[in-house]
Protein backbone atom coordinates (compact mmCIF):
# COMPACT_ATOMS: atom_id res chain seq x y z
CA MET A 1 31.96 7.07 3.36
CA LYS A 2 31.99 3.25 3.39
CA SER A 3 33.82 2.89 6.72
CA LEU A 4 31.63 5.60 8.31
CA LYS A 5 28.53 3.97 7.06
CA TYR A 6 29.52 0.56 8.48
CA HIS A 7 30.47 2.32 11.75
CA PHE A 8 26.98 3.86 11.97
CA LEU A 9 25.07 0.63 11.22
CA ASN A 10 27.26 -1.44 13.49
CA LEU A 11 26.60 1.01 16.33
CA PHE A 12 22.90 0.91 15.49
CA PHE A 13 23.02 -2.88 15.81
CA ILE A 14 25.11 -2.99 19.06
CA THR A 15 23.02 -0.32 20.81
CA LEU A 16 19.60 -1.71 19.96
CA TYR A 17 20.20 -5.40 19.36
CA PHE A 18 18.57 -6.27 22.64
CA ASN A 19 15.23 -5.25 21.14
CA CYS A 20 15.24 -8.29 18.84
CA SER A 21 17.79 -10.72 20.37
CA ASN A 22 14.99 -12.82 21.83
CA GLU A 23 12.96 -13.06 18.68
CA ALA A 24 12.39 -16.60 17.45
CA VAL A 25 14.08 -17.46 14.21
CA GLU A 26 11.45 -18.33 11.62
CA LYS A 27 12.27 -20.46 8.68
CA LYS A 28 11.30 -19.62 5.09
CA ASP A 29 8.28 -21.60 3.98
CA THR A 30 8.90 -22.38 0.35
CA ASN A 31 5.74 -24.42 -0.13
CA SER A 32 3.05 -21.95 0.85
CA LEU A 33 2.18 -18.26 0.71
CA ASP A 34 -0.58 -18.48 3.26
CA PRO A 35 -1.14 -14.90 4.41
CA LYS A 36 -1.80 -16.15 7.91
CA THR A 37 1.81 -17.26 8.31
CA TYR A 38 5.13 -15.45 8.27
CA TYR A 39 7.11 -15.76 5.07
CA GLN A 40 10.48 -14.62 3.88
CA GLU A 41 12.14 -14.86 0.52
CA LEU A 42 15.82 -14.03 0.18
CA ASN A 43 17.75 -12.91 -2.86
CA ILE A 44 14.79 -12.36 -5.12
CA SER A 45 16.14 -11.57 -8.59
CA TYR A 46 14.70 -8.59 -10.41
CA GLY A 47 17.34 -8.32 -13.20
CA ASN A 48 20.24 -10.06 -14.80
CA ASP A 49 22.99 -8.38 -12.75
CA THR A 50 24.21 -10.23 -9.60
CA ASP A 51 23.48 -7.07 -7.60
CA GLN A 52 19.88 -6.98 -8.70
CA LYS A 53 18.44 -8.89 -5.76
CA PHE A 54 16.41 -8.10 -2.71
CA ASP A 55 15.11 -9.80 0.46
CA LEU A 56 11.43 -9.78 1.31
CA TYR A 57 9.93 -10.36 4.78
CA LEU A 58 6.15 -10.77 4.99
CA PRO A 59 4.34 -10.69 8.36
CA ALA A 60 1.76 -13.24 9.45
CA HIS A 61 -1.89 -12.19 9.16
CA ARG A 62 -1.15 -9.82 6.32
CA SER A 63 -3.77 -8.49 3.90
CA LEU A 64 -3.98 -6.50 0.74
CA ASN A 65 -3.75 -3.46 3.10
CA THR A 66 -0.28 -4.46 4.38
CA LYS A 67 2.29 -1.83 3.67
CA THR A 68 5.97 -2.35 2.79
CA ILE A 69 9.04 -0.54 4.14
CA VAL A 70 11.89 -0.46 1.56
CA LEU A 71 15.45 -0.34 3.06
CA VAL A 72 18.18 1.28 0.88
CA HIS A 73 21.75 0.90 2.01
CA GLY A 74 24.51 3.45 1.64
CA GLY A 75 28.05 3.20 0.39
CA GLY A 76 28.66 6.26 -1.75
CA TRP A 77 26.75 4.74 -4.65
CA THR A 78 29.77 2.50 -5.27
CA SER A 79 29.73 0.01 -2.47
CA GLY A 80 27.64 -1.45 0.32
CA ASP A 81 25.11 -4.35 0.57
CA LYS A 82 21.62 -5.01 1.81
CA GLU A 83 23.11 -6.94 4.71
CA ASP A 84 24.23 -3.55 6.10
CA MET A 85 20.58 -2.75 6.76
CA ASN A 86 19.81 -6.01 8.60
CA PRO A 87 20.00 -4.34 12.04
CA ILE A 88 17.28 -1.86 11.00
CA LYS A 89 15.31 -4.68 9.41
CA ASP A 90 15.45 -6.62 12.69
CA LEU A 91 14.22 -3.61 14.63
CA LEU A 92 11.37 -3.06 12.19
CA ARG A 93 10.33 -6.69 12.50
CA THR A 94 10.22 -6.31 16.28
CA ASP A 95 8.51 -2.97 16.54
CA PHE A 96 6.32 -3.18 13.41
CA PRO A 97 5.27 -6.80 13.15
CA ASN A 98 2.40 -5.97 10.76
CA LEU A 99 4.62 -4.37 8.09
CA ALA A 100 6.28 -6.07 5.15
CA ILE A 101 9.96 -5.26 4.55
CA ALA A 102 11.97 -5.22 1.34
CA ASN A 103 15.76 -4.98 1.98
CA ILE A 104 17.29 -4.16 -1.42
CA ASN A 105 20.50 -4.30 -3.36
CA TYR A 106 21.03 -2.24 -6.48
CA ARG A 107 23.76 -2.09 -9.13
CA LEU A 108 26.84 -0.32 -7.87
CA ALA A 109 28.48 2.50 -9.78
CA ASP A 110 31.96 2.18 -11.24
CA ALA A 111 34.00 3.83 -13.98
CA ASN A 112 31.73 2.40 -16.71
CA ASN A 113 28.36 2.54 -14.96
CA LYS A 114 27.31 5.77 -13.26
CA ALA A 115 24.81 5.66 -10.37
CA TYR A 116 22.25 7.80 -12.12
CA PRO A 117 19.86 6.84 -13.55
CA MET A 118 20.90 3.17 -13.08
CA GLN A 119 20.11 2.94 -9.40
CA ILE A 120 16.81 4.83 -9.69
CA GLU A 121 15.85 2.38 -12.43
CA ASP A 122 16.64 -0.52 -10.06
CA ILE A 123 14.42 0.92 -7.41
CA SER A 124 11.59 1.26 -9.96
CA SER A 125 12.13 -2.34 -11.05
CA ILE A 126 11.73 -3.50 -7.47
CA ILE A 127 8.59 -1.45 -6.80
CA ASN A 128 7.10 -2.71 -10.03
CA TYR A 129 7.94 -6.28 -9.10
CA LEU A 130 6.16 -5.86 -5.78
CA LYS A 131 3.12 -4.32 -7.45
CA SER A 132 2.97 -7.10 -10.05
CA ASN A 133 3.11 -9.71 -7.29
CA LYS A 134 0.91 -8.00 -4.68
CA GLU A 135 -1.69 -10.71 -4.93
CA LYS A 136 0.91 -13.48 -4.52
CA TYR A 137 2.46 -11.82 -1.56
CA THR A 138 -0.82 -10.37 -0.15
CA ILE A 139 0.41 -6.79 0.21
CA SER A 140 -0.72 -3.37 -0.84
CA GLU A 141 1.04 -0.99 -3.24
CA ASN A 142 1.77 1.49 -0.46
CA ILE A 143 5.35 1.86 0.67
CA GLY A 144 7.75 3.77 2.78
CA PHE A 145 11.50 4.26 2.53
CA ILE A 146 14.37 4.27 5.02
CA GLY A 147 17.70 5.07 3.47
CA THR A 148 21.16 5.77 4.91
CA SER A 149 23.75 8.02 3.28
CA ALA A 150 23.72 7.43 -0.48
CA GLY A 151 20.74 5.14 0.07
CA ALA A 152 18.93 8.09 1.67
CA HIS A 153 19.66 10.26 -1.36
CA LEU A 154 18.23 7.48 -3.63
CA SER A 155 15.16 7.08 -1.38
CA LEU A 156 14.42 10.80 -1.43
CA LEU A 157 15.03 11.20 -5.15
CA TRP A 158 12.85 8.23 -6.13
CA SER A 159 10.02 9.28 -3.78
CA TYR A 160 10.04 12.90 -4.97
CA ALA A 161 10.62 12.49 -8.67
CA PHE A 162 9.95 8.91 -9.81
CA ASP A 163 6.93 7.64 -7.86
CA ASN A 164 4.45 8.45 -10.56
CA ASP A 165 1.67 6.56 -8.86
CA HIS A 166 2.26 8.32 -5.53
CA ASN A 167 2.45 5.12 -3.56
CA THR A 168 5.16 6.42 -1.14
CA ASN A 169 3.57 7.25 2.24
CA MET A 170 6.77 8.39 3.98
CA VAL A 171 10.47 8.62 3.43
CA CYS A 172 13.36 8.74 5.93
CA SER A 173 16.82 10.17 5.18
CA ILE A 174 19.62 9.37 7.61
CA VAL A 175 22.64 11.56 6.61
CA GLY A 176 21.56 11.56 2.98
CA PRO A 177 22.87 14.14 0.35
CA THR A 178 20.01 16.28 -0.86
CA ASN A 179 21.41 19.06 -2.95
CA LEU A 180 24.41 18.62 -5.24
CA THR A 181 24.36 22.35 -6.19
CA ASP A 182 25.11 23.26 -2.59
CA PRO A 183 28.17 25.63 -2.58
CA ALA A 184 29.57 23.45 0.17
CA TYR A 185 29.96 20.80 -2.50
CA LEU A 186 30.58 22.96 -5.55
CA ASN A 187 33.42 24.88 -3.78
CA SER A 188 34.90 21.88 -2.02
CA THR A 189 38.61 21.06 -2.58
CA ASN A 190 38.26 17.64 -1.09
CA THR A 191 39.36 15.36 -3.95
CA ALA A 192 37.96 12.23 -2.29
CA LEU A 193 34.56 13.88 -2.00
CA GLN A 194 34.65 14.99 -5.59
CA GLU A 195 35.50 11.47 -6.73
CA LEU A 196 32.55 10.24 -4.71
CA LEU A 197 30.14 12.66 -6.26
CA ASN A 198 31.49 11.87 -9.73
CA ALA A 199 30.15 8.36 -9.26
CA LEU A 200 26.64 9.78 -9.76
CA GLY A 201 27.21 10.67 -13.36
CA ALA A 202 29.75 11.85 -15.94
CA ASN A 203 27.76 14.99 -16.78
CA GLN A 204 28.41 17.41 -14.01
CA THR A 205 26.61 20.43 -15.47
CA MET A 206 24.34 22.47 -13.19
CA SER A 207 21.23 21.07 -14.83
CA PHE A 208 22.47 17.55 -14.21
CA LEU A 209 23.24 18.30 -10.55
CA GLU A 210 19.75 19.73 -10.14
CA GLU A 211 18.27 16.65 -11.81
CA VAL A 212 19.86 14.33 -9.30
CA SER A 213 19.14 16.51 -6.26
CA PRO A 214 16.10 15.77 -4.17
CA TYR A 215 16.11 19.41 -3.11
CA HIS A 216 15.43 20.48 -6.69
CA ARG A 217 12.98 17.70 -7.52
CA VAL A 218 10.61 17.97 -4.48
CA THR A 219 7.07 19.24 -5.03
CA PRO A 220 4.07 20.06 -2.83
CA SER A 221 2.79 16.46 -3.42
CA ALA A 222 5.98 14.89 -1.88
CA PRO A 223 5.39 12.32 0.87
CA PRO A 224 5.95 13.11 4.54
CA THR A 225 9.72 13.25 5.12
CA ILE A 226 11.83 12.70 8.25
CA LEU A 227 15.47 13.85 8.24
CA PHE A 228 18.43 13.09 10.52
CA TYR A 229 21.82 14.80 10.23
CA GLY A 230 25.03 15.28 12.19
CA GLY A 231 26.51 18.77 12.75
CA ASN A 232 30.11 17.48 12.32
CA ASP A 233 29.59 15.21 9.33
CA PRO A 234 32.70 15.39 7.15
CA LEU A 235 30.70 14.27 4.05
CA ILE A 236 27.31 15.72 4.43
CA PRO A 237 27.19 19.47 5.21
CA THR A 238 24.50 20.59 7.68
CA THR A 239 22.92 22.61 4.82
CA GLN A 240 22.01 19.37 3.11
CA GLY A 241 19.48 18.82 5.87
CA THR A 242 18.47 22.39 6.76
CA ASP A 243 17.92 23.55 3.21
CA LEU A 244 15.70 20.62 2.33
CA ARG A 245 13.78 21.14 5.62
CA ASP A 246 13.17 24.79 4.79
CA LYS A 247 12.05 23.93 1.28
CA LEU A 248 9.66 21.27 2.57
CA GLU A 249 8.25 23.89 4.96
CA ASP A 250 7.80 26.37 2.08
CA LEU A 251 6.01 23.73 -0.01
CA GLY A 252 3.71 22.61 2.82
CA VAL A 253 5.13 19.09 2.95
CA THR A 254 4.86 17.35 6.30
CA ASN A 255 8.36 16.93 7.67
CA GLN A 256 10.41 16.39 10.76
CA PHE A 257 14.10 17.40 11.07
CA THR A 258 16.66 16.48 13.68
CA LEU A 259 20.22 17.74 13.87
CA TYR A 260 22.68 16.27 16.32
CA PRO A 261 25.14 19.16 16.66
CA ASN A 262 28.15 17.12 17.78
CA ALA A 263 27.59 14.05 15.63
CA GLY A 264 29.32 13.04 12.43
CA HIS A 265 28.26 10.58 9.75
CA GLY A 266 26.51 8.58 12.42
CA TRP A 267 25.97 8.64 16.18
CA VAL A 268 25.63 6.54 19.32
CA GLY A 269 23.99 6.36 22.73
CA LEU A 270 21.11 8.62 23.55
CA GLU A 271 21.21 10.32 20.15
CA LEU A 272 20.80 6.94 18.42
CA LEU A 273 17.91 5.97 20.72
CA ASP A 274 16.34 9.33 19.92
CA THR A 275 16.56 8.62 16.23
CA TRP A 276 14.78 5.28 16.52
CA THR A 277 12.16 6.70 18.88
CA LYS A 278 11.34 9.54 16.52
CA LEU A 279 11.36 7.30 13.45
CA LYS A 280 8.94 4.81 15.07
CA VAL A 281 6.46 7.61 15.81
CA PHE A 282 6.82 8.91 12.24
CA ILE A 283 6.22 5.51 10.75
CA ASN A 284 3.20 4.99 13.00
CA ASN A 285 1.67 8.34 12.00
CA HIS A 286 2.38 8.30 8.22
CA LEU A 287 2.84 4.78 6.90
């Protein structure tokens, strides 16, 4: 998953870099938080672990109505870094200059530390940090999520089941797992895939798999959701997207679904441009 994830993000960067290549580089202003000026703060610590850091980018002329997009990287819950999302961050800064952006790291799973609930708790800590400092940063409490792969799973799960204050206005899943009880997973003989899924938690009972599945946690009050999947993805069966789409429809949740039939765990060219075009419209309409 890691190599495929990097492949996707690198292609995202190469294909669309021209959108932000002429953007002036702005320096962090450490002496002032004047809302009239651009401000960025890198590696903000929200915990004691070295992975518990995030980057914050605040637009000029912001107000207490300014919304924040939270970027959540992939990596199979065991790897990856916020830097992987920098290409998307740069595109957002170009096309949405009035939005704040939080590009986050979270603790990575290993043999002694399972992804759930650890990584969900990290997202909660970041959101609480932003809320506690909204006056300092001059931002609102309203947020949106863009996640890729495992980061998309975390974005969906947190938005559906852990946003108790309903501050999430929209969530985007790019090739994210949604249902760990899917027979395509339960009946898989792919040992590498099973090892990856085991990173979520040691307890692999059906009730646990439902608990960590956005498909089983979504409710009619879920935020508008946009989904992108590849028809030939070796890690994410098509049903991960279509089943969640159907459930969102049944619940009356605003959603948009795109399947690229010949794409895998990422795509290029016109399909990639289509993804960004649709995502921009969705953000404009719902965030």
